C-alpha atoms as a PDB file:
ATOM      1  CA  MET A   1     182.308 177.562 357.521  1.00  0.00           C
ATOM      2  CA  LYS A   2     179.572 175.069 357.600  1.00  0.00           C
ATOM      3  CA  ASN A   3     176.974 177.505 356.555  1.00  0.00           C
ATOM      4  CA  LYS A   4     179.020 178.688 353.686  1.00  0.00           C
ATOM      5  CA  ASN A   5     179.390 175.010 352.489  1.00  0.00           C
ATOM      6  CA  LEU A   6     175.804 174.266 352.830  1.00  0.00           C
ATOM      7  CA  LYS A   7     174.887 177.496 350.948  1.00  0.00           C
ATOM      8  CA  LEU A   8     177.236 176.565 348.190  1.00  0.00           C
ATOM      9  CA  LEU A   9     175.706 173.040 347.929  1.00  0.00           C
ATOM     10  CA  ILE A  10     172.277 174.374 347.660  1.00  0.00           C
ATOM     11  CA  PHE A  11     173.323 176.755 345.132  1.00  0.00           C
ATOM     12  CA  LEU A  12     174.962 174.143 343.111  1.00  0.00           C
ATOM     13  CA  LEU A  13     171.942 172.011 343.211  1.00  0.00           C
ATOM     14  CA  PHE A  14     169.621 174.813 342.079  1.00  0.00           C
ATOM     15  CA  GLY A  15     172.037 175.456 339.285  1.00  0.00           C
ATOM     16  CA  ILE A  16     172.071 171.856 338.058  1.00  0.00           C
ATOM     17  CA  VAL A  17     168.142 171.727 338.120  1.00  0.00           C
ATOM     18  CA  PHE A  18     167.881 175.008 336.352  1.00  0.00           C
ATOM     19  CA  LEU A  19     170.473 173.951 333.572  1.00  0.00           C
ATOM     20  CA  SER A  20     168.682 170.476 333.201  1.00  0.00           C
ATOM     21  CA  ALA A  21     165.354 172.300 332.835  1.00  0.00           C
ATOM     22  CA  ILE A  22     166.767 174.636 330.241  1.00  0.00           C
ATOM     23  CA  ALA A  23     168.330 171.629 328.342  1.00  0.00           C
ATOM     24  CA  SER A  24     164.970 169.665 328.552  1.00  0.00           C
ATOM     25  CA  ALA A  25     163.071 172.731 327.189  1.00  0.00           C
ATOM     26  CA  GLU A  26     165.606 173.158 324.369  1.00  0.00           C
ATOM     27  CA  GLU A  27     165.304 169.310 323.515  1.00  0.00           C
ATOM     28  CA  ASN A  28     161.496 169.463 323.544  1.00  0.00           C
ATOM     29  CA  LEU A  29     161.622 172.574 321.340  1.00  0.00           C
ATOM     30  CA  THR A  30     163.846 170.552 318.774  1.00  0.00           C
ATOM     31  CA  LEU A  31     161.503 167.576 318.966  1.00  0.00           C
ATOM     32  CA  LYS A  32     158.605 169.941 318.283  1.00  0.00           C
ATOM     33  CA  GLU A  33     160.426 171.383 315.193  1.00  0.00           C
ATOM     34  CA  GLN A  34     161.037 167.896 314.010  1.00  0.00           C
ATOM     35  CA  ALA A  35     157.432 166.864 314.460  1.00  0.00           C
ATOM     36  CA  GLU A  36     156.260 169.927 312.523  1.00  0.00           C
ATOM     37  CA  GLY A  37     158.532 169.059 309.776  1.00  0.00           C
ATOM     38  CA  CYS A  38     157.642 165.348 309.567  1.00  0.00           C
ATOM     39  CA  LEU A  39     153.991 166.406 309.595  1.00  0.00           C
ATOM     40  CA  ASP A  40     154.575 168.513 306.564  1.00  0.00           C
ATOM     41  CA  ASP A  41     156.631 165.642 304.982  1.00  0.00           C
ATOM     42  CA  SER A  42     153.746 163.292 305.628  1.00  0.00           C
ATOM     43  CA  GLY A  43     151.249 165.561 304.011  1.00  0.00           C
ATOM     44  CA  LYS A  44     153.366 165.641 300.901  1.00  0.00           C
ATOM     45  CA  ILE A  45     153.786 161.889 300.961  1.00  0.00           C
ATOM     46  CA  MET A  46     150.052 161.575 300.998  1.00  0.00           C
ATOM     47  CA  GLU A  47     149.617 163.788 297.999  1.00  0.00           C
ATOM     48  CA  GLU A  48     152.269 161.818 296.186  1.00  0.00           C
ATOM     49  CA  LEU A  49     150.505 158.626 296.872  1.00  0.00           C
ATOM     50  CA  ILE A  50     147.244 160.037 295.684  1.00  0.00           C
ATOM     51  CA  GLU A  51     148.949 161.210 292.345  1.00  0.00           C
ATOM     52  CA  ALA A  52     150.504 157.696 291.956  1.00  0.00           C
ATOM     53  CA  GLY A  53     146.995 156.112 292.151  1.00  0.00           C
ATOM     54  CA  PHE A  54     147.353 154.569 295.666  1.00  0.00           C
ATOM     55  CA  ASN A  55     144.684 154.331 298.250  1.00  0.00           C
ATOM     56  CA  ILE A  56     145.607 156.552 301.312  1.00  0.00           C
ATOM     57  CA  ASN A  57     143.071 155.404 303.904  1.00  0.00           C
ATOM     58  CA  LYS A  58     145.754 153.937 306.152  1.00  0.00           C
ATOM     59  CA  VAL A  59     148.199 156.879 305.630  1.00  0.00           C
ATOM     60  CA  ASN A  60     145.441 159.403 306.179  1.00  0.00           C
ATOM     61  CA  ASP A  61     144.445 157.786 309.457  1.00  0.00           C
ATOM     62  CA  THR A  62     148.024 157.674 310.696  1.00  0.00           C
ATOM     63  CA  LEU A  63     148.552 161.322 309.759  1.00  0.00           C
ATOM     64  CA  ALA A  64     145.380 162.236 311.586  1.00  0.00           C
ATOM     65  CA  VAL A  65     146.562 160.431 314.807  1.00  0.00           C
ATOM     66  CA  ALA A  66     149.955 162.139 314.533  1.00  0.00           C
ATOM     67  CA  SER A  67     148.399 165.671 314.058  1.00  0.00           C
ATOM     68  CA  GLU A  68     146.092 165.022 317.142  1.00  0.00           C
ATOM     69  CA  LEU A  69     149.043 163.913 319.238  1.00  0.00           C
ATOM     70  CA  TYR A  70     151.057 167.023 318.100  1.00  0.00           C
ATOM     71  CA  GLU A  71     148.238 169.370 319.037  1.00  0.00           C
ATOM     72  CA  ALA A  72     147.777 167.673 322.360  1.00  0.00           C
ATOM     73  CA  GLN A  73     151.474 168.009 323.237  1.00  0.00           C
ATOM     74  CA  SER A  74     151.641 171.567 321.944  1.00  0.00           C
ATOM     75  CA  SER A  75     148.792 172.559 324.121  1.00  0.00           C
ATOM     76  CA  LYS A  76     150.610 171.724 327.424  1.00  0.00           C
ATOM     77  CA  LEU A  77     151.519 174.712 329.501  1.00  0.00           C
ATOM     78  CA  ARG A  78     155.083 173.599 330.280  1.00  0.00           C
ATOM     79  CA  VAL A  79     157.436 172.698 327.475  1.00  0.00           C
ATOM     80  CA  LYS A  80     159.126 170.017 329.533  1.00  0.00           C
ATOM     81  CA  ASP A  81     155.975 168.104 329.978  1.00  0.00           C
ATOM     82  CA  SER A  82     155.361 167.651 326.168  1.00  0.00           C
ATOM     83  CA  ASP A  83     156.626 164.657 324.337  1.00  0.00           C
ATOM     84  CA  PHE A  84     156.660 164.661 320.442  1.00  0.00           C
ATOM     85  CA  SER A  85     158.475 161.425 320.056  1.00  0.00           C
ATOM     86  CA  PHE A  86     155.258 159.579 319.271  1.00  0.00           C
ATOM     87  CA  VAL A  87     154.432 162.008 316.539  1.00  0.00           C
ATOM     88  CA  LEU A  88     157.880 161.179 314.946  1.00  0.00           C
ATOM     89  CA  ASN A  89     157.157 157.504 315.145  1.00  0.00           C
ATOM     90  CA  TYR A  90     153.917 157.803 313.268  1.00  0.00           C
ATOM     91  CA  CYS A  91     155.598 159.972 310.647  1.00  0.00           C
ATOM     92  CA  ASP A  92     158.179 157.180 310.260  1.00  0.00           C
ATOM     93  CA  GLU A  93     155.444 154.784 309.789  1.00  0.00           C
ATOM     94  CA  ILE A  94     153.890 156.865 306.991  1.00  0.00           C
ATOM     95  CA  LYS A  95     157.369 156.999 305.259  1.00  0.00           C
ATOM     96  CA  GLU A  96     157.667 153.154 305.493  1.00  0.00           C
ATOM     97  CA  THR A  97     154.190 152.741 303.986  1.00  0.00           C
ATOM     98  CA  ARG A  98     155.225 155.032 301.167  1.00  0.00           C
ATOM     99  CA  GLU A  99     158.246 152.943 300.366  1.00  0.00           C
ATOM    100  CA  ALA A 100     156.313 149.706 300.610  1.00  0.00           C
ATOM    101  CA  ALA A 101     153.652 150.987 298.280  1.00  0.00           C
ATOM    102  CA  PHE A 102     155.978 151.853 295.448  1.00  0.00           C
ATOM    103  CA  ILE A 103     158.053 148.617 295.957  1.00  0.00           C
ATOM    104  CA  THR A 104     155.031 146.476 295.856  1.00  0.00           C
ATOM    105  CA  ARG A 105     153.705 148.392 292.808  1.00  0.00           C
ATOM    106  CA  ASP A 106     157.079 147.768 290.970  1.00  0.00           C
ATOM    107  CA  GLU A 107     157.012 143.954 291.948  1.00  0.00           C
ATOM    108  CA  PHE A 108     153.393 143.708 290.745  1.00  0.00           C
ATOM    109  CA  ASP A 109     153.997 145.383 287.494  1.00  0.00           C
ATOM    110  CA  ALA A 110     157.046 143.094 286.854  1.00  0.00           C
ATOM    111  CA  LEU A 111     155.045 139.914 287.820  1.00  0.00           C
ATOM    112  CA  VAL A 112     152.163 140.956 285.369  1.00  0.00           C
ATOM    113  CA  LYS A 113     154.554 141.485 282.485  1.00  0.00           C
ATOM    114  CA  PHE A 114     156.275 138.222 283.163  1.00  0.00           C
ATOM    115  CA  TYR A 115     152.796 136.429 283.180  1.00  0.00           C
ATOM    116  CA  ASN A 116     151.653 137.990 280.014  1.00  0.00           C
ATOM    117  CA  GLU A 117     154.960 137.087 278.187  1.00  0.00           C
ATOM    118  CA  ALA A 118     154.828 133.466 279.608  1.00  0.00           C
ATOM    119  CA  PHE A 119     151.235 132.660 278.579  1.00  0.00           C
ATOM    120  CA  GLU A 120     149.322 133.536 275.385  1.00  0.00           C
ATOM    121  CA  GLU A 121     146.018 132.911 277.067  1.00  0.00           C
ATOM    122  CA  ASN A 122     144.955 133.601 280.663  1.00  0.00           C
ATOM    123  CA  VAL A 123     145.353 130.868 283.297  1.00  0.00           C
ATOM    124  CA  SER A 124     142.469 130.878 285.681  1.00  0.00           C
ATOM    125  CA  VAL A 125     144.660 129.672 288.838  1.00  0.00           C
ATOM    126  CA  ILE A 126     147.200 132.493 288.167  1.00  0.00           C
ATOM    127  CA  ASP A 127     144.484 135.033 287.553  1.00  0.00           C
ATOM    128  CA  GLU A 128     143.053 134.381 290.926  1.00  0.00           C
ATOM    129  CA  MET A 129     146.355 134.842 292.638  1.00  0.00           C
ATOM    130  CA  ILE A 130     146.997 138.146 290.782  1.00  0.00           C
ATOM    131  CA  ASP A 131     143.536 139.327 291.796  1.00  0.00           C
ATOM    132  CA  GLU A 132     144.463 138.534 295.334  1.00  0.00           C
ATOM    133  CA  ILE A 133     147.548 140.599 295.118  1.00  0.00           C
ATOM    134  CA  GLU A 134     145.663 143.472 293.668  1.00  0.00           C
ATOM    135  CA  ASN A 135     143.194 143.332 296.568  1.00  0.00           C
ATOM    136  CA  GLU A 136     146.048 143.381 299.125  1.00  0.00           C
ATOM    137  CA  ILE A 137     147.533 146.566 297.402  1.00  0.00           C
ATOM    138  CA  GLU A 138     144.167 148.251 297.240  1.00  0.00           C
ATOM    139  CA  THR A 139     143.621 147.673 300.975  1.00  0.00           C
ATOM    140  CA  GLU A 140     147.115 148.924 301.726  1.00  0.00           C
ATOM    141  CA  ARG A 141     148.411 145.553 303.191  1.00  0.00           C
ATOM    142  CA  TYR A 142     151.625 145.895 301.449  1.00  0.00           C
ATOM    143  CA  GLU A 143     153.468 143.570 303.749  1.00  0.00           C
ATOM    144  CA  LYS A 144     151.530 140.588 302.281  1.00  0.00           C
ATOM    145  CA  VAL A 145     152.346 141.363 298.676  1.00  0.00           C
ATOM    146  CA  SER A 146     155.931 140.124 298.454  1.00  0.00           C
ATOM    147  CA  PRO A 147     155.047 136.578 299.624  1.00  0.00           C
ATOM    148  CA  LEU A 148     152.178 136.288 297.271  1.00  0.00           C
ATOM    149  CA  VAL A 149     154.376 137.462 294.454  1.00  0.00           C
ATOM    150  CA  GLU A 150     156.915 134.754 295.219  1.00  0.00           C
ATOM    151  CA  GLN A 151     154.136 132.130 295.240  1.00  0.00           C
ATOM    152  CA  THR A 152     152.815 133.435 291.895  1.00  0.00           C
ATOM    153  CA  TYR A 153     156.083 133.076 290.253  1.00  0.00           C
ATOM    154  CA  GLU A 154     156.360 129.552 291.588  1.00  0.00           C
ATOM    155  CA  LYS A 155     152.841 128.711 290.185  1.00  0.00           C
ATOM    156  CA  ILE A 156     153.670 130.236 286.868  1.00  0.00           C
ATOM    157  CA  SER A 157     156.762 127.945 286.630  1.00  0.00           C
ATOM    158  CA  GLU A 158     154.738 124.845 287.610  1.00  0.00           C
ATOM    159  CA  VAL A 159     151.990 125.647 285.017  1.00  0.00           C
ATOM    160  CA  GLN A 160     154.677 126.212 282.363  1.00  0.00           C
ATOM    161  CA  ALA A 161     156.236 122.814 283.056  1.00  0.00           C
ATOM    162  CA  GLU A 162     152.790 121.218 282.892  1.00  0.00           C
ATOM    163  CA  GLN A 163     152.000 122.909 279.564  1.00  0.00           C
ATOM    164  CA  THR A 164     155.419 121.886 278.146  1.00  0.00           C
ATOM    165  CA  ALA A 165     154.784 118.351 279.079  1.00  0.00           C
ATOM    166  CA  LEU A 166     151.274 118.391 277.586  1.00  0.00           C
ATOM    167  CA  ARG A 167     152.514 120.000 274.464  1.00  0.00           C
ATOM    168  CA  ALA A 168     155.233 117.370 273.968  1.00  0.00           C
ATOM    169  CA  PHE A 169     152.683 114.721 274.544  1.00  0.00           C
ATOM    170  CA  TYR A 170     150.247 116.215 272.170  1.00  0.00           C
ATOM    171  CA  GLU A 171     152.889 116.592 269.466  1.00  0.00           C
ATOM    172  CA  GLY A 172     154.074 113.083 269.880  1.00  0.00           C
ATOM    173  CA  THR A 173     150.521 111.649 269.765  1.00  0.00           C
ATOM    174  CA  THR A 174     149.681 113.843 266.758  1.00  0.00           C
ATOM    175  CA  LYS A 175     152.607 112.647 264.788  1.00  0.00           C
ATOM    176  CA  GLY A 176     151.902 109.035 265.712  1.00  0.00           C
ATOM    177  CA  LEU A 177     148.390 109.348 264.657  1.00  0.00           C
ATOM    178  CA  LYS A 178     149.345 110.989 261.447  1.00  0.00           C
ATOM    179  CA  ARG A 179     151.749 108.249 260.529  1.00  0.00           C
ATOM    180  CA  PHE A 180     149.194 105.679 261.421  1.00  0.00           C
ATOM    181  CA  PHE A 181     146.582 107.327 259.166  1.00  0.00           C
ATOM    182  CA  GLU A 182     149.088 107.702 256.384  1.00  0.00           C
ATOM    183  CA  ARG A 183     149.907 103.954 256.487  1.00  0.00           C
ATOM    184  CA  ASN A 184     146.434 102.702 257.095  1.00  0.00           C
ATOM    185  CA  TRP A 185     144.044 105.261 255.504  1.00  0.00           C
ATOM    186  CA  VAL A 186     142.618 102.711 253.092  1.00  0.00           C
ATOM    187  CA  SER A 187     141.719 100.217 255.888  1.00  0.00           C
ATOM    188  CA  ILE A 188     140.344 102.994 258.050  1.00  0.00           C
ATOM    189  CA  LEU A 189     138.082 104.099 255.177  1.00  0.00           C
ATOM    190  CA  ILE A 190     136.870 100.587 254.508  1.00  0.00           C
ATOM    191  CA  SER A 191     136.226 100.155 258.297  1.00  0.00           C
ATOM    192  CA  ILE A 192     134.224 103.461 258.566  1.00  0.00           C
ATOM    193  CA  GLY A 193     132.268 102.491 255.380  1.00  0.00           C
ATOM    194  CA  VAL A 194     131.516  99.094 256.779  1.00  0.00           C
ATOM    195  CA  ALA A 195     130.584 100.492 260.033  1.00  0.00           C
ATOM    196  CA  PHE A 196     128.202 103.111 258.474  1.00  0.00           C
ATOM    197  CA  ILE A 197     126.506 100.435 256.380  1.00  0.00           C
ATOM    198  CA  LEU A 198     126.087  98.246 259.479  1.00  0.00           C
ATOM    199  CA  PHE A 199     124.772 101.199 261.292  1.00  0.00           C
ATOM    200  CA  LEU A 200     122.275 101.836 258.561  1.00  0.00           C
ATOM    201  CA  ILE A 201     121.302  98.158 258.464  1.00  0.00           C
ATOM    202  CA  TYR A 202     120.911  97.717 262.305  1.00  0.00           C
ATOM    203  CA  MET A 203     119.907 101.309 263.082  1.00  0.00           C
ATOM    204  CA  ARG A 204     116.221 100.427 263.506  1.00  0.00           C
ATOM    205  CA  THR A 205     117.177  97.241 265.436  1.00  0.00           C
ATOM    206  CA  VAL A 206     119.355  99.322 267.931  1.00  0.00           C
ATOM    207  CA  SER A 207     116.752 101.988 268.271  1.00  0.00           C
ATOM    208  CA  VAL A 208     114.127  99.422 269.142  1.00  0.00           C
ATOM    209  CA  TRP A 209     116.484  97.780 271.652  1.00  0.00           C
ATOM    210  CA  ILE A 210     117.104 101.193 273.333  1.00  0.00           C
ATOM    211  CA  ILE A 211     113.442 101.980 273.579  1.00  0.00           C
ATOM    212  CA  LYS A 212     112.509  98.628 275.011  1.00  0.00           C
ATOM    213  CA  ARG A 213     115.416  98.949 277.514  1.00  0.00           C
ATOM    214  CA  LYS A 214     114.131 102.369 278.600  1.00  0.00           C
ATOM    215  CA  ILE A 215     110.612 100.979 278.971  1.00  0.00           C
ATOM    216  CA  ARG A 216     111.835  98.098 281.190  1.00  0.00           C
ATOM    217  CA  GLY A 217     113.965 100.491 283.212  1.00  0.00           C
ATOM    218  CA  LEU A 218     110.987 102.790 283.921  1.00  0.00           C
ATOM    219  CA  GLU A 219     108.783  99.880 284.712  1.00  0.00           C
ATOM    220  CA  PHE A 220     111.403  98.568 287.181  1.00  0.00           C
ATOM    221  CA  ARG A 221     111.664 102.000 288.657  1.00  0.00           C
ATOM    222  CA  LYS A 222     107.793 102.221 289.007  1.00  0.00           C
ATOM    223  CA  GLU A 223     107.694  98.984 290.851  1.00  0.00           C
ATOM    224  CA  LYS A 224     110.357 100.020 293.349  1.00  0.00           C
ATOM    225  CA  ILE A 225     108.434 103.438 294.002  1.00  0.00           C
ATOM    226  CA  LEU A 226     105.362 101.414 294.438  1.00  0.00           C
ATOM    227  CA  GLU A 227     107.100  99.218 297.025  1.00  0.00           C
ATOM    228  CA  ILE A 228     108.306 102.382 298.789  1.00  0.00           C
ATOM    229  CA  ILE A 229     104.687 103.722 298.942  1.00  0.00           C
ATOM    230  CA  ARG A 230     103.302 100.405 300.245  1.00  0.00           C
ATOM    231  CA  GLY A 231     106.043 100.542 302.969  1.00  0.00           C
ATOM    232  CA  ALA A 232     105.109 104.059 303.917  1.00  0.00           C
ATOM    233  CA  GLN A 233     101.409 103.148 304.021  1.00  0.00           C
ATOM    234  CA  ARG A 234     102.201 100.099 306.276  1.00  0.00           C
ATOM    235  CA  GLU A 235     104.299 102.349 308.572  1.00  0.00           C
ATOM    236  CA  TYR A 236     101.424 104.970 308.698  1.00  0.00           C
ATOM    237  CA  PHE A 237      98.267 102.947 308.896  1.00  0.00           C
ATOM    238  CA  GLN A 238      99.408  99.686 310.632  1.00  0.00           C
ATOM    239  CA  ASP A 239     102.538 100.457 312.672  1.00  0.00           C
ATOM    240  CA  GLY A 240     101.967 104.170 313.267  1.00  0.00           C
ATOM    241  CA  LYS A 241     105.689 104.964 313.130  1.00  0.00           C
ATOM    242  CA  LEU A 242     105.234 107.585 310.381  1.00  0.00           C
ATOM    243  CA  SER A 243     103.503 111.047 311.127  1.00  0.00           C
ATOM    244  CA  GLU A 244     100.806 112.442 308.828  1.00  0.00           C
ATOM    245  CA  GLY A 245     102.835 115.222 307.447  1.00  0.00           C
ATOM    246  CA  ILE A 246     105.774 113.198 306.517  1.00  0.00           C
ATOM    247  CA  TYR A 247     103.497 110.554 305.063  1.00  0.00           C
ATOM    248  CA  ASN A 248     101.685 113.252 302.931  1.00  0.00           C
ATOM    249  CA  ILE A 249     104.902 114.710 301.817  1.00  0.00           C
ATOM    250  CA  LYS A 250     106.506 111.352 300.959  1.00  0.00           C
ATOM    251  CA  THR A 251     103.527 109.948 299.139  1.00  0.00           C
ATOM    252  CA  LYS A 252     103.001 113.176 297.233  1.00  0.00           C
ATOM    253  CA  LYS A 253     106.549 113.279 295.886  1.00  0.00           C
ATOM    254  CA  LEU A 254     106.438 109.620 295.044  1.00  0.00           C
ATOM    255  CA  ALA A 255     103.090 109.907 293.290  1.00  0.00           C
ATOM    256  CA  GLU A 256     104.637 112.826 291.115  1.00  0.00           C
ATOM    257  CA  LEU A 257     107.381 110.322 290.097  1.00  0.00           C
ATOM    258  CA  ILE A 258     104.952 107.697 289.166  1.00  0.00           C
ATOM    259  CA  ARG A 259     102.898 110.154 287.086  1.00  0.00           C
ATOM    260  CA  ASP A 260     106.054 111.188 285.264  1.00  0.00           C
ATOM    261  CA  ILE A 261     106.900 107.571 284.457  1.00  0.00           C
ATOM    262  CA  ASP A 262     103.402 106.895 283.413  1.00  0.00           C
ATOM    263  CA  ARG A 263     103.667 109.893 281.002  1.00  0.00           C
ATOM    264  CA  GLN A 264     107.005 108.622 279.565  1.00  0.00           C
ATOM    265  CA  ILE A 265     106.056 104.901 278.983  1.00  0.00           C
ATOM    266  CA  PRO A 266     103.181 105.680 276.589  1.00  0.00           C
ATOM    267  CA  MET A 267     105.373 107.966 274.540  1.00  0.00           C
ATOM    268  CA  LEU A 268     108.090 105.255 274.327  1.00  0.00           C
ATOM    269  CA  LEU A 269     105.531 102.701 273.381  1.00  0.00           C
ATOM    270  CA  GLU A 270     104.184 104.870 270.599  1.00  0.00           C
ATOM    271  CA  ARG A 271     107.650 105.345 269.209  1.00  0.00           C
ATOM    272  CA  LEU A 272     108.060 101.567 269.408  1.00  0.00           C
ATOM    273  CA  ALA A 273     104.915 101.002 267.559  1.00  0.00           C
ATOM    274  CA  ARG A 274     105.965 103.349 264.832  1.00  0.00           C
ATOM    275  CA  PHE A 275     109.193 101.391 264.401  1.00  0.00           C
ATOM    276  CA  GLU A 276     107.307  98.161 264.340  1.00  0.00           C
ATOM    277  CA  LYS A 277     104.778  99.458 261.927  1.00  0.00           C
ATOM    278  CA  ASN A 278     107.508 100.800 259.539  1.00  0.00           C
ATOM    279  CA  LYS A 279     109.193  97.450 259.820  1.00  0.00           C
ATOM    280  CA  THR A 280     106.054  95.547 258.867  1.00  0.00           C
ATOM    281  CA  ARG A 281     105.344  97.732 256.058  1.00  0.00           C
ATOM    282  CA  SER A 282     108.687  97.485 254.689  1.00  0.00           C
ATOM    283  CA  PHE A 283     108.688  93.733 254.981  1.00  0.00           C
ATOM    284  CA  GLN A 284     105.291  93.627 253.168  1.00  0.00           C
ATOM    285  CA  SER A 285     106.490  95.867 250.320  1.00  0.00           C
ATOM    286  CA  SER A 286     109.763  93.782 250.115  1.00  0.00           C
ATOM    287  CA  SER A 287     107.657  90.579 249.966  1.00  0.00           C
ATOM    288  CA  GLU A 288     105.339  92.012 247.294  1.00  0.00           C
ATOM    289  CA  ASN A 289     108.311  93.032 245.280  1.00  0.00           C
ATOM    290  CA  VAL A 290     109.822  89.628 245.575  1.00  0.00           C
ATOM    291  CA  GLY A 291     106.664  88.053 244.570  1.00  0.00           C
ATOM    292  CA  ARG A 292     106.324  90.245 241.454  1.00  0.00           C
ATOM    293  CA  LYS A 293     109.787  89.467 240.469  1.00  0.00           C
ATOM    294  CA  LYS A 294     109.253  85.753 240.828  1.00  0.00           C
ATOM    295  CA  SER A 295     105.983  85.862 238.763  1.00  0.00           C
ATOM    296  CA  LYS A 296     107.898  87.820 236.039  1.00  0.00           C
ATOM    297  CA  ASN A 297     110.643  85.498 236.014  1.00  0.00           C
ATOM    298  CA  ARG A 298     108.292  82.582 235.889  1.00  0.00           C
ATOM    299  CA  LYS A 299     106.446  83.906 232.858  1.00  0.00           C
ATOM    300  CA  PHE A 300     109.672  84.834 231.140  1.00  0.00           C
ATOM    301  CA  PHE A 301     111.029  81.218 231.551  1.00  0.00           C
ATOM    302  CA  GLN A 302     107.760  79.738 230.507  1.00  0.00           C
ATOM    303  CA  SER A 303     107.583  81.929 227.291  1.00  0.00           C
ATOM    304  CA  PHE A 304     111.255  81.103 226.689  1.00  0.00           C
ATOM    305  CA  ALA A 305     110.647  77.320 227.172  1.00  0.00           C
ATOM    306  CA  GLN A 306     107.532  77.389 224.976  1.00  0.00           C
ATOM    307  CA  ALA A 307     109.454  79.347 222.161  1.00  0.00           C
ATOM    308  CA  TRP A 308     112.369  76.893 222.627  1.00  0.00           C
ATOM    309  CA  SER A 309     110.127  73.911 222.288  1.00  0.00           C
ATOM    310  CA  ASN A 310     108.472  75.295 219.129  1.00  0.00           C
ATOM    311  CA  GLU A 311     111.664  76.130 217.444  1.00  0.00           C
ATOM    312  CA  SER A 312     113.127  72.791 218.522  1.00  0.00           C
ATOM    313  CA  LYS A 313     110.198  70.983 216.963  1.00  0.00           C
ATOM    314  CA  LYS A 314     110.380  72.952 213.713  1.00  0.00           C
ATOM    315  CA  PHE A 315     114.200  72.265 213.556  1.00  0.00           C
ATOM    316  CA  LEU A 316     113.677  68.601 214.067  1.00  0.00           C
ATOM    317  CA  ILE A 317     110.959  68.291 211.448  1.00  0.00           C
ATOM    318  CA  HIS A 318     113.079  70.298 209.016  1.00  0.00           C
ATOM    319  CA  PHE A 319     116.051  68.137 209.782  1.00  0.00           C
ATOM    320  CA  ASN A 320     114.263  64.899 209.261  1.00  0.00           C
ATOM    321  CA  LYS A 321     112.922  66.027 205.889  1.00  0.00           C
ATOM    322  CA  LYS A 322     116.278  66.956 204.750  1.00  0.00           C
ATOM    323  CA  LEU A 323     117.751  63.707 206.009  1.00  0.00           C
ATOM    324  CA  LYS A 324     115.086  61.627 204.169  1.00  0.00           C
ATOM    325  CA  ARG A 325     115.563  63.660 201.085  1.00  0.00           C
ATOM    326  CA  LYS A 326     119.269  62.823 201.137  1.00  0.00           C
ATOM    327  CA  GLN A 327     118.712  59.228 201.782  1.00  0.00           C
ATOM    328  CA  ASN A 328     116.162  58.968 198.964  1.00  0.00           C
ATOM    329  CA  ARG A 329     118.555  60.761 196.611  1.00  0.00           C
ATOM    330  CA  LYS A 330     121.437  58.225 197.494  1.00  0.00           C
ATOM    331  CA  LYS A 331     119.057  55.160 197.080  1.00  0.00           C
ATOM    332  CA  PHE A 332     117.792  56.424 193.698  1.00  0.00           C
ATOM    333  CA  SER A 333     121.227  57.038 192.376  1.00  0.00           C
ATOM    334  CA  PHE A 334     122.536  53.560 193.267  1.00  0.00           C
ATOM    335  CA  ILE A 335     119.719  51.746 191.540  1.00  0.00           C
ATOM    336  CA  ASN A 336     120.144  53.829 188.409  1.00  0.00           C
ATOM    337  CA  LEU A 337     123.812  53.185 188.393  1.00  0.00           C
ATOM    338  CA  PHE A 338     123.299  49.352 188.799  1.00  0.00           C
ATOM    339  CA  LYS A 339     120.870  49.385 185.887  1.00  0.00           C
ATOM    340  CA  LYS A 340     123.265  51.258 183.723  1.00  0.00           C
ATOM    341  CA  LEU A 341     126.072  48.727 184.456  1.00  0.00           C
ATOM    342  CA  ARG A 342     123.782  45.722 183.712  1.00  0.00           C
ATOM    343  CA  LYS A 343     122.900  47.248 180.347  1.00  0.00           C
ATOM    344  CA  LYS A 344     126.519  47.900 179.415  1.00  0.00           C
ATOM    345  CA  LEU A 345     127.491  44.377 180.307  1.00  0.00           C
ATOM    346  CA  LYS A 346     124.854  42.914 178.060  1.00  0.00           C
END
């Protein structure tokens, strides 16, 4: 009886092991078929991505690894020892990459459309962010695209707000300036005219002042450079704190600066001399013109006074003659009248 029970137990154990082996083999055969199907689907996905214009480096590498795993598992002698689940995992990764690629493409296209409608001209900051998104898509880092798209939308909103504020400020300022010019255009034109006249009058003086200031600045700079050179010579020859190489480099550079200053100062002095020469010449010509005008005026007044004196003398002589003639006539007529009266009375 005991032997029968033992045989039955052994038979049951062998049956269970046999059935589990058959089930495992059937399961592995099913996974193998699924792996074959997913590899075919992955190949079609890669072709679809190529047609859509996506880079497929990442998908191609993943598919190559999945194919190698499939071949390795298929080459095993016993079916139950093979495991095709890793192949299915890689196939799922390829499917996720495909979905992410098309989603990010749609998000990017919508962003570019919104950007082009929001601004008439390109904005450099936003262009840099869009270039970064394009780079992430080209390198197949699709997981980084969505956060960058959100940041770009926020930046576009900020720039729009800034431009709106600037536009409002510009419009307000333009209107204010327009009203100001409309009300004060006469005063503004007069001020501009006066300023232009003053500029013409004092242009030479201002130019001379600027040239003299440049000359003083260059001379002051030259003096400071000479002080630095003297200090370097003292450190090199007396104190020995400065090496020969550094001393040569330092003095050579400073000597070039002094030569440049010595080249600029004569040019400025020549310009200054031209201004002074023109000023002296204009002063002399103006003095000569004034002298000529004075001499002409003096001659005119002298001739006028002489003519006036002659005419006055003639007039006085003629007037005296007429006056004497009238007086004589009056005296003569009274005497005759008196004589006539005396004759009549007699």
